[in-house]
Amino acid sequence: MSNRASVRIARIAIFTALAVVGSFIKPNPASSIAFDSFAGFFVALYFGTFEGAFVCGLGHLATATVSGFPLGVLHLPIALGMALAGAAIGLTNKLHKNWGFIPALVIGVAINTAMVFPLAPWLGGATLDEGLLIAYGLAPVLLTVAALNAIAAGIVFFALRGKLKA
């Protein structure tokens, strides 16, 4: 294994551990919505698409584990959606160097929030309408927590960009 690959693996491990710490910070202890995305969003901005996708996906799985998998197997597609959000953040930031982190984070928050709607049929309601009501109830909380994660990641990224070894 090359030194570069070792550094990438170590980086993913360290920031995933930070996501695990964030997974314990939840606005509602009964849900799996937490501050795990901050680490993944930051990694996507600073180190790129691949690492950001991995840390976002693993961060969600950490939160699901800490929360006792309240949505069961649905956490797997959610983790994939979070990986997509991390990849989108990294890619968008890469395309727009100076201030690209702002639209990148907006896209990440939008993906994070919108993921609840395709899952509506499985959100515990007996009908699709009940699942949609649950999704509409969760969306503002998801939006708020994802935005707070993104704001924190953006501030840290802005403060550190160019100062860490990539």
N, C-alpha and C. Protein backbone atom coordinates (compact mmCIF):
# COMPACT_ATOMS: atom_id res chain seq x y z
N MET A 1 0.85 -1.17 0.00
CA MET A 1 0.00 0.00 0.00
C MET A 1 0.90 1.24 0.00
N SER A 2 0.55 2.18 -0.86
CA SER A 2 1.36 3.39 -0.95
C SER A 2 1.10 4.30 0.24
N ASN A 3 2.02 5.23 0.43
CA ASN A 3 1.89 6.20 1.52
C ASN A 3 0.64 7.05 1.32
N ARG A 4 0.35 7.42 0.07
CA ARG A 4 -0.82 8.26 -0.22
C ARG A 4 -2.12 7.53 0.16
N ALA A 5 -2.20 6.25 -0.16
CA ALA A 5 -3.39 5.47 0.20
C ALA A 5 -3.52 5.35 1.71
N SER A 6 -2.41 5.17 2.38
CA SER A 6 -2.43 5.08 3.85
C SER A 6 -2.94 6.38 4.46
N VAL A 7 -2.51 7.49 3.92
CA VAL A 7 -2.94 8.79 4.43
C VAL A 7 -4.44 8.96 4.21
N ARG A 8 -4.95 8.55 3.04
CA ARG A 8 -6.39 8.66 2.77
C ARG A 8 -7.19 7.81 3.74
N ILE A 9 -6.75 6.59 3.97
CA ILE A 9 -7.46 5.70 4.89
C ILE A 9 -7.44 6.26 6.30
N ALA A 10 -6.30 6.76 6.72
CA ALA A 10 -6.19 7.36 8.06
C ALA A 10 -7.08 8.58 8.18
N ARG A 11 -7.12 9.40 7.14
CA ARG A 11 -7.96 10.60 7.14
C ARG A 11 -9.43 10.22 7.27
N ILE A 12 -9.86 9.23 6.49
CA ILE A 12 -11.25 8.78 6.56
C ILE A 12 -11.56 8.25 7.96
N ALA A 13 -10.63 7.49 8.53
CA ALA A 13 -10.85 6.91 9.87
C ALA A 13 -10.95 8.01 10.93
N ILE A 14 -10.07 8.98 10.87
CA ILE A 14 -10.06 10.05 11.88
C ILE A 14 -11.33 10.88 11.80
N PHE A 15 -11.71 11.26 10.59
CA PHE A 15 -12.90 12.10 10.47
C PHE A 15 -14.19 11.31 10.69
N THR A 16 -14.17 10.02 10.40
CA THR A 16 -15.33 9.19 10.74
C THR A 16 -15.47 9.11 12.25
N ALA A 17 -14.35 9.03 12.96
CA ALA A 17 -14.40 9.05 14.43
C ALA A 17 -15.00 10.37 14.92
N LEU A 18 -14.66 11.47 14.27
CA LEU A 18 -15.26 12.76 14.62
C LEU A 18 -16.76 12.75 14.34
N ALA A 19 -17.16 12.11 13.25
CA ALA A 19 -18.59 11.97 12.94
C ALA A 19 -19.30 11.15 14.02
N VAL A 20 -18.62 10.13 14.54
CA VAL A 20 -19.20 9.32 15.62
C VAL A 20 -19.45 10.21 16.84
N VAL A 21 -18.51 11.07 17.16
CA VAL A 21 -18.70 12.00 18.28
C VAL A 21 -19.93 12.87 18.00
N GLY A 22 -20.03 13.39 16.78
CA GLY A 22 -21.18 14.21 16.41
C GLY A 22 -22.50 13.45 16.46
N SER A 23 -22.44 12.14 16.27
CA SER A 23 -23.66 11.33 16.28
C SER A 23 -24.32 11.29 17.66
N PHE A 24 -23.57 11.65 18.69
CA PHE A 24 -24.14 11.69 20.04
C PHE A 24 -24.83 13.02 20.33
N ILE A 25 -24.65 14.00 19.46
CA ILE A 25 -25.26 15.32 19.65
C ILE A 25 -26.52 15.36 18.78
N LYS A 26 -27.67 15.16 19.42
CA LYS A 26 -28.93 15.05 18.70
C LYS A 26 -29.95 16.01 19.29
N PRO A 27 -30.71 16.71 18.43
CA PRO A 27 -31.76 17.57 18.96
C PRO A 27 -32.91 16.78 19.57
N ASN A 28 -33.10 15.56 19.10
CA ASN A 28 -34.13 14.68 19.64
C ASN A 28 -33.50 13.31 19.86
N PRO A 29 -33.29 12.90 21.10
CA PRO A 29 -32.61 11.63 21.37
C PRO A 29 -33.29 10.40 20.77
N ALA A 30 -34.57 10.52 20.42
CA ALA A 30 -35.29 9.37 19.87
C ALA A 30 -35.10 9.21 18.36
N SER A 31 -34.42 10.16 17.72
CA SER A 31 -34.27 10.07 16.27
C SER A 31 -32.81 9.83 15.90
N SER A 32 -32.58 9.67 14.60
CA SER A 32 -31.21 9.50 14.13
C SER A 32 -30.72 10.76 13.42
N ILE A 33 -31.33 11.88 13.70
CA ILE A 33 -30.89 13.16 13.15
C ILE A 33 -29.88 13.74 14.14
N ALA A 34 -28.65 14.00 13.67
CA ALA A 34 -27.60 14.42 14.60
C ALA A 34 -26.57 15.30 13.89
N PHE A 35 -25.53 15.62 14.61
CA PHE A 35 -24.47 16.48 14.09
C PHE A 35 -23.29 15.66 13.56
N ASP A 36 -23.60 14.55 12.91
CA ASP A 36 -22.57 13.70 12.32
C ASP A 36 -22.10 14.21 10.97
N SER A 37 -22.89 15.03 10.30
CA SER A 37 -22.58 15.47 8.94
C SER A 37 -21.47 16.51 8.89
N PHE A 38 -21.26 17.21 9.97
CA PHE A 38 -20.22 18.25 9.98
C PHE A 38 -18.88 17.71 9.48
N ALA A 39 -18.45 16.58 10.02
CA ALA A 39 -17.15 16.02 9.64
C ALA A 39 -17.12 15.66 8.16
N GLY A 40 -18.16 15.01 7.68
CA GLY A 40 -18.21 14.63 6.27
C GLY A 40 -18.27 15.84 5.34
N PHE A 41 -19.05 16.84 5.72
CA PHE A 41 -19.14 18.05 4.90
C PHE A 41 -17.78 18.75 4.84
N PHE A 42 -17.11 18.85 5.98
CA PHE A 42 -15.78 19.47 5.99
C PHE A 42 -14.79 18.69 5.13
N VAL A 43 -14.78 17.38 5.29
CA VAL A 43 -13.85 16.55 4.53
C VAL A 43 -14.12 16.69 3.04
N ALA A 44 -15.38 16.72 2.65
CA ALA A 44 -15.73 16.88 1.23
C ALA A 44 -15.19 18.21 0.70
N LEU A 45 -15.29 19.25 1.49
CA LEU A 45 -14.79 20.56 1.07
C LEU A 45 -13.27 20.57 1.00
N TYR A 46 -12.64 20.07 2.02
CA TYR A 46 -11.19 20.22 2.14
C TYR A 46 -10.40 19.17 1.37
N PHE A 47 -10.85 17.92 1.44
CA PHE A 47 -10.06 16.84 0.87
C PHE A 47 -10.65 16.24 -0.39
N GLY A 48 -11.93 16.51 -0.66
CA GLY A 48 -12.50 16.09 -1.93
C GLY A 48 -13.65 15.12 -1.87
N THR A 49 -14.07 14.75 -3.05
CA THR A 49 -15.28 13.97 -3.27
C THR A 49 -15.23 12.59 -2.62
N PHE A 50 -14.19 11.84 -2.88
CA PHE A 50 -14.10 10.46 -2.40
C PHE A 50 -14.13 10.39 -0.88
N GLU A 51 -13.24 11.13 -0.24
CA GLU A 51 -13.19 11.10 1.22
C GLU A 51 -14.47 11.65 1.84
N GLY A 52 -15.01 12.73 1.25
CA GLY A 52 -16.24 13.31 1.76
C GLY A 52 -17.41 12.35 1.69
N ALA A 53 -17.52 11.62 0.57
CA ALA A 53 -18.60 10.64 0.42
C ALA A 53 -18.47 9.55 1.47
N PHE A 54 -17.27 9.05 1.66
CA PHE A 54 -17.06 7.98 2.64
C PHE A 54 -17.41 8.44 4.05
N VAL A 55 -16.91 9.59 4.44
CA VAL A 55 -17.15 10.06 5.82
C VAL A 55 -18.62 10.39 6.03
N CYS A 56 -19.29 10.97 5.05
CA CYS A 56 -20.72 11.25 5.19
C CYS A 56 -21.52 9.96 5.34
N GLY A 57 -21.25 8.99 4.50
CA GLY A 57 -21.98 7.71 4.58
C GLY A 57 -21.71 6.97 5.87
N LEU A 58 -20.44 6.87 6.25
CA LEU A 58 -20.10 6.19 7.50
C LEU A 58 -20.60 6.95 8.71
N GLY A 59 -20.60 8.27 8.61
CA GLY A 59 -21.12 9.10 9.72
C GLY A 59 -22.58 8.82 9.96
N HIS A 60 -23.36 8.68 8.88
CA HIS A 60 -24.78 8.35 9.09
C HIS A 60 -24.94 6.97 9.71
N LEU A 61 -24.16 6.01 9.25
CA LEU A 61 -24.26 4.67 9.84
C LEU A 61 -23.88 4.69 11.32
N ALA A 62 -22.93 5.54 11.68
CA ALA A 62 -22.58 5.68 13.10
C ALA A 62 -23.76 6.22 13.90
N THR A 63 -24.42 7.24 13.36
CA THR A 63 -25.58 7.80 14.05
C THR A 63 -26.71 6.79 14.15
N ALA A 64 -26.92 6.04 13.08
CA ALA A 64 -27.96 5.00 13.11
C ALA A 64 -27.65 3.97 14.18
N THR A 65 -26.38 3.60 14.30
CA THR A 65 -25.98 2.63 15.31
C THR A 65 -26.20 3.17 16.71
N VAL A 66 -25.75 4.39 16.95
CA VAL A 66 -25.92 5.03 18.26
C VAL A 66 -27.40 5.16 18.62
N SER A 67 -28.24 5.39 17.61
CA SER A 67 -29.67 5.59 17.82
C SER A 67 -30.45 4.29 17.88
N GLY A 68 -29.81 3.15 17.63
CA GLY A 68 -30.50 1.87 17.67
C GLY A 68 -31.25 1.54 16.38
N PHE A 69 -30.81 2.09 15.27
CA PHE A 69 -31.42 1.84 13.95
C PHE A 69 -32.94 2.01 13.98
N PRO A 70 -33.44 3.20 14.32
CA PRO A 70 -34.89 3.39 14.41
C PRO A 70 -35.63 3.16 13.09
N LEU A 71 -34.95 3.31 11.97
CA LEU A 71 -35.59 3.08 10.67
C LEU A 71 -35.17 1.75 10.05
N GLY A 72 -34.50 0.93 10.83
CA GLY A 72 -34.11 -0.40 10.35
C GLY A 72 -33.21 -0.34 9.12
N VAL A 73 -33.52 -1.16 8.15
CA VAL A 73 -32.71 -1.29 6.95
C VAL A 73 -32.73 -0.02 6.09
N LEU A 74 -33.68 0.88 6.33
CA LEU A 74 -33.73 2.14 5.59
C LEU A 74 -32.49 2.99 5.80
N HIS A 75 -31.73 2.69 6.85
CA HIS A 75 -30.52 3.47 7.08
C HIS A 75 -29.46 3.22 6.00
N LEU A 76 -29.53 2.09 5.33
CA LEU A 76 -28.56 1.84 4.25
C LEU A 76 -28.76 2.78 3.06
N PRO A 77 -29.99 2.93 2.52
CA PRO A 77 -30.14 3.93 1.45
C PRO A 77 -29.91 5.35 1.94
N ILE A 78 -30.21 5.62 3.20
CA ILE A 78 -29.94 6.96 3.73
C ILE A 78 -28.43 7.20 3.75
N ALA A 79 -27.65 6.20 4.16
CA ALA A 79 -26.19 6.32 4.15
C ALA A 79 -25.68 6.55 2.73
N LEU A 80 -26.26 5.86 1.76
CA LEU A 80 -25.88 6.09 0.36
C LEU A 80 -26.24 7.51 -0.08
N GLY A 81 -27.40 7.98 0.37
CA GLY A 81 -27.79 9.36 0.06
C GLY A 81 -26.84 10.37 0.69
N MET A 82 -26.41 10.09 1.91
CA MET A 82 -25.44 10.98 2.56
C MET A 82 -24.10 10.93 1.83
N ALA A 83 -23.71 9.76 1.35
CA ALA A 83 -22.49 9.66 0.55
C ALA A 83 -22.63 10.50 -0.71
N LEU A 84 -23.81 10.46 -1.32
CA LEU A 84 -24.07 11.30 -2.50
C LEU A 84 -23.96 12.78 -2.14
N ALA A 85 -24.49 13.16 -0.99
CA ALA A 85 -24.39 14.56 -0.55
C ALA A 85 -22.92 14.96 -0.38
N GLY A 86 -22.12 14.09 0.24
CA GLY A 86 -20.69 14.39 0.41
C GLY A 86 -19.98 14.50 -0.92
N ALA A 87 -20.29 13.60 -1.85
CA ALA A 87 -19.67 13.65 -3.17
C ALA A 87 -20.07 14.93 -3.91
N ALA A 88 -21.34 15.30 -3.81
CA ALA A 88 -21.81 16.52 -4.48
C ALA A 88 -21.13 17.76 -3.90
N ILE A 89 -20.95 17.78 -2.61
CA ILE A 89 -20.25 18.91 -1.97
C ILE A 89 -18.82 19.00 -2.49
N GLY A 90 -18.12 17.87 -2.47
CA GLY A 90 -16.73 17.87 -2.93
C GLY A 90 -16.60 18.27 -4.38
N LEU A 91 -17.48 17.75 -5.23
CA LEU A 91 -17.42 18.06 -6.65
C LEU A 91 -17.74 19.52 -6.92
N THR A 92 -18.79 20.03 -6.31
CA THR A 92 -19.18 21.43 -6.52
C THR A 92 -18.09 22.37 -6.02
N ASN A 93 -17.52 22.08 -4.89
CA ASN A 93 -16.45 22.93 -4.36
C ASN A 93 -15.23 22.91 -5.27
N LYS A 94 -14.95 21.77 -5.86
CA LYS A 94 -13.80 21.63 -6.76
C LYS A 94 -13.99 22.45 -8.04
N LEU A 95 -15.23 22.54 -8.50
CA LEU A 95 -15.53 23.28 -9.74
C LEU A 95 -15.44 24.79 -9.56
N HIS A 96 -15.68 25.26 -8.36
CA HIS A 96 -15.69 26.70 -8.07
C HIS A 96 -14.76 26.98 -6.90
N LYS A 97 -13.53 27.27 -7.20
CA LYS A 97 -12.48 27.30 -6.18
C LYS A 97 -12.69 28.32 -5.05
N ASN A 98 -12.88 29.59 -5.34
CA ASN A 98 -12.85 30.60 -4.28
C ASN A 98 -14.02 30.52 -3.30
N TRP A 99 -15.23 30.67 -3.79
CA TRP A 99 -16.39 30.70 -2.91
C TRP A 99 -17.33 29.53 -3.21
N GLY A 100 -16.83 28.51 -3.86
CA GLY A 100 -17.64 27.35 -4.23
C GLY A 100 -18.15 26.56 -3.04
N PHE A 101 -17.53 26.77 -1.88
CA PHE A 101 -17.99 26.02 -0.71
C PHE A 101 -19.41 26.41 -0.30
N ILE A 102 -19.84 27.61 -0.63
CA ILE A 102 -21.19 28.05 -0.25
C ILE A 102 -22.25 27.30 -1.07
N PRO A 103 -22.20 27.34 -2.42
CA PRO A 103 -23.19 26.54 -3.15
C PRO A 103 -23.02 25.04 -2.91
N ALA A 104 -21.80 24.60 -2.67
CA ALA A 104 -21.57 23.18 -2.39
C ALA A 104 -22.32 22.75 -1.14
N LEU A 105 -22.24 23.55 -0.10
CA LEU A 105 -22.93 23.21 1.15
C LEU A 105 -24.45 23.32 1.00
N VAL A 106 -24.91 24.30 0.21
CA VAL A 106 -26.35 24.41 -0.04
C VAL A 106 -26.85 23.15 -0.74
N ILE A 107 -26.10 22.67 -1.72
CA ILE A 107 -26.47 21.44 -2.42
C ILE A 107 -26.47 20.25 -1.46
N GLY A 108 -25.47 20.16 -0.61
CA GLY A 108 -25.40 19.07 0.36
C GLY A 108 -26.57 19.08 1.32
N VAL A 109 -26.94 20.26 1.81
CA VAL A 109 -28.09 20.38 2.72
C VAL A 109 -29.38 20.01 1.98
N ALA A 110 -29.49 20.44 0.73
CA ALA A 110 -30.70 20.12 -0.05
C ALA A 110 -30.83 18.61 -0.25
N ILE A 111 -29.74 17.95 -0.58
CA ILE A 111 -29.78 16.49 -0.76
C ILE A 111 -30.13 15.82 0.57
N ASN A 112 -29.47 16.25 1.63
CA ASN A 112 -29.71 15.68 2.96
C ASN A 112 -31.19 15.81 3.34
N THR A 113 -31.78 16.95 3.08
CA THR A 113 -33.17 17.20 3.45
C THR A 113 -34.14 16.46 2.53
N ALA A 114 -33.88 16.50 1.25
CA ALA A 114 -34.80 15.91 0.27
C ALA A 114 -34.86 14.39 0.36
N MET A 115 -33.84 13.77 0.92
CA MET A 115 -33.82 12.30 1.00
C MET A 115 -35.00 11.73 1.77
N VAL A 116 -35.62 12.50 2.62
CA VAL A 116 -36.72 11.97 3.44
C VAL A 116 -37.95 11.66 2.59
N PHE A 117 -38.15 12.36 1.49
CA PHE A 117 -39.39 12.19 0.72
C PHE A 117 -39.46 10.88 -0.06
N PRO A 118 -38.41 10.40 -0.71
CA PRO A 118 -38.51 9.08 -1.35
C PRO A 118 -38.71 7.94 -0.34
N LEU A 119 -38.35 8.19 0.92
CA LEU A 119 -38.51 7.17 1.96
C LEU A 119 -39.89 7.19 2.61
N ALA A 120 -40.73 8.15 2.22
CA ALA A 120 -42.04 8.33 2.85
C ALA A 120 -42.88 7.05 2.93
N PRO A 121 -42.90 6.21 1.89
CA PRO A 121 -43.74 5.00 2.01
C PRO A 121 -43.33 4.07 3.15
N TRP A 122 -42.11 4.19 3.64
CA TRP A 122 -41.61 3.28 4.67
C TRP A 122 -41.43 3.96 6.03
N LEU A 123 -41.93 5.15 6.19
CA LEU A 123 -41.69 5.90 7.43
C LEU A 123 -42.66 5.59 8.56
N GLY A 124 -43.29 4.48 8.53
CA GLY A 124 -44.09 4.06 9.67
C GLY A 124 -45.57 4.31 9.53
N GLY A 125 -46.00 5.03 8.52
CA GLY A 125 -47.43 5.24 8.34
C GLY A 125 -48.05 4.03 7.66
N ALA A 126 -49.32 3.82 7.92
CA ALA A 126 -50.02 2.69 7.30
C ALA A 126 -50.30 2.97 5.82
N THR A 127 -50.33 4.25 5.46
CA THR A 127 -50.56 4.62 4.06
C THR A 127 -49.47 5.57 3.60
N LEU A 128 -49.41 5.78 2.30
CA LEU A 128 -48.44 6.72 1.75
C LEU A 128 -48.69 8.13 2.28
N ASP A 129 -49.97 8.49 2.44
CA ASP A 129 -50.28 9.83 2.96
C ASP A 129 -49.72 10.02 4.37
N GLU A 130 -49.81 9.00 5.20
CA GLU A 130 -49.26 9.10 6.56
C GLU A 130 -47.75 9.19 6.51
N GLY A 131 -47.12 8.43 5.62
CA GLY A 131 -45.67 8.51 5.44
C GLY A 131 -45.24 9.89 4.99
N LEU A 132 -46.01 10.48 4.08
CA LEU A 132 -45.70 11.84 3.62
C LEU A 132 -45.86 12.86 4.75
N LEU A 133 -46.87 12.68 5.58
CA LEU A 133 -47.03 13.58 6.73
C LEU A 133 -45.83 13.50 7.66
N ILE A 134 -45.34 12.29 7.88
CA ILE A 134 -44.14 12.11 8.70
C ILE A 134 -42.95 12.78 8.03
N ALA A 135 -42.81 12.59 6.71
CA ALA A 135 -41.70 13.20 5.97
C ALA A 135 -41.76 14.72 6.06
N TYR A 136 -42.95 15.29 5.89
CA TYR A 136 -43.10 16.74 6.01
C TYR A 136 -42.80 17.23 7.43
N GLY A 137 -43.08 16.40 8.40
CA GLY A 137 -42.75 16.76 9.79
C GLY A 137 -41.26 16.69 10.07
N LEU A 138 -40.57 15.72 9.43
CA LEU A 138 -39.13 15.57 9.64
C LEU A 138 -38.31 16.58 8.84
N ALA A 139 -38.83 17.02 7.70
CA ALA A 139 -38.05 17.88 6.79
C ALA A 139 -37.53 19.15 7.46
N PRO A 140 -38.32 19.90 8.23
CA PRO A 140 -37.78 21.11 8.86
C PRO A 140 -36.65 20.81 9.85
N VAL A 141 -36.77 19.70 10.57
CA VAL A 141 -35.72 19.32 11.51
C VAL A 141 -34.46 18.93 10.75
N LEU A 142 -34.63 18.13 9.70
CA LEU A 142 -33.48 17.75 8.86
C LEU A 142 -32.81 18.98 8.27
N LEU A 143 -33.61 19.89 7.74
CA LEU A 143 -33.08 21.11 7.14
C LEU A 143 -32.29 21.92 8.16
N THR A 144 -32.84 22.09 9.34
CA THR A 144 -32.18 22.89 10.38
C THR A 144 -30.87 22.25 10.82
N VAL A 145 -30.90 20.97 11.13
CA VAL A 145 -29.69 20.31 11.61
C VAL A 145 -28.65 20.20 10.50
N ALA A 146 -29.07 19.89 9.28
CA ALA A 146 -28.13 19.83 8.15
C ALA A 146 -27.51 21.21 7.91
N ALA A 147 -28.32 22.26 8.00
CA ALA A 147 -27.79 23.61 7.80
C ALA A 147 -26.79 23.98 8.90
N LEU A 148 -27.06 23.60 10.14
CA LEU A 148 -26.11 23.87 11.22
C LEU A 148 -24.80 23.10 11.01
N ASN A 149 -24.90 21.84 10.56
CA ASN A 149 -23.71 21.06 10.23
C ASN A 149 -22.93 21.75 9.12
N ALA A 150 -23.63 22.22 8.10
CA ALA A 150 -22.99 22.86 6.95
C ALA A 150 -22.34 24.19 7.35
N ILE A 151 -23.02 24.97 8.17
CA ILE A 151 -22.46 26.25 8.61
C ILE A 151 -21.18 26.01 9.39
N ALA A 152 -21.20 25.05 10.30
CA ALA A 152 -19.98 24.74 11.07
C ALA A 152 -18.86 24.26 10.14
N ALA A 153 -19.19 23.39 9.20
CA ALA A 153 -18.18 22.90 8.26
C ALA A 153 -17.63 24.04 7.40
N GLY A 154 -18.52 24.93 6.96
CA GLY A 154 -18.09 26.06 6.15
C GLY A 154 -17.17 27.01 6.90
N ILE A 155 -17.48 27.27 8.15
CA ILE A 155 -16.64 28.16 8.97
C ILE A 155 -15.26 27.55 9.18
N VAL A 156 -15.22 26.27 9.54
CA VAL A 156 -13.93 25.61 9.76
C VAL A 156 -13.14 25.53 8.45
N PHE A 157 -13.82 25.20 7.36
CA PHE A 157 -13.15 25.14 6.06
C PHE A 157 -12.57 26.50 5.69
N PHE A 158 -13.35 27.55 5.83
CA PHE A 158 -12.89 28.90 5.48
C PHE A 158 -11.68 29.29 6.33
N ALA A 159 -11.72 28.94 7.60
CA ALA A 159 -10.62 29.29 8.50
C ALA A 159 -9.34 28.50 8.21
N LEU A 160 -9.50 27.26 7.75
CA LEU A 160 -8.33 26.38 7.57
C LEU A 160 -7.86 26.20 6.14
N ARG A 161 -8.66 26.63 5.15
CA ARG A 161 -8.27 26.31 3.78
C ARG A 161 -6.88 26.84 3.44
N GLY A 162 -6.13 25.96 2.85
CA GLY A 162 -4.75 26.29 2.50
C GLY A 162 -3.75 26.09 3.62
N LYS A 163 -4.22 25.75 4.81
CA LYS A 163 -3.33 25.61 5.95
C LYS A 163 -3.03 24.17 6.33
N LEU A 164 -3.86 23.23 5.87
CA LEU A 164 -3.63 21.81 6.14
C LEU A 164 -3.01 21.15 4.92
N LYS A 165 -2.30 20.07 5.15
CA LYS A 165 -1.76 19.29 4.04
C LYS A 165 -2.86 18.42 3.47
N ALA A 166 -3.09 18.52 2.20
CA ALA A 166 -4.17 17.73 1.56
C ALA A 166 -3.75 16.36 1.20
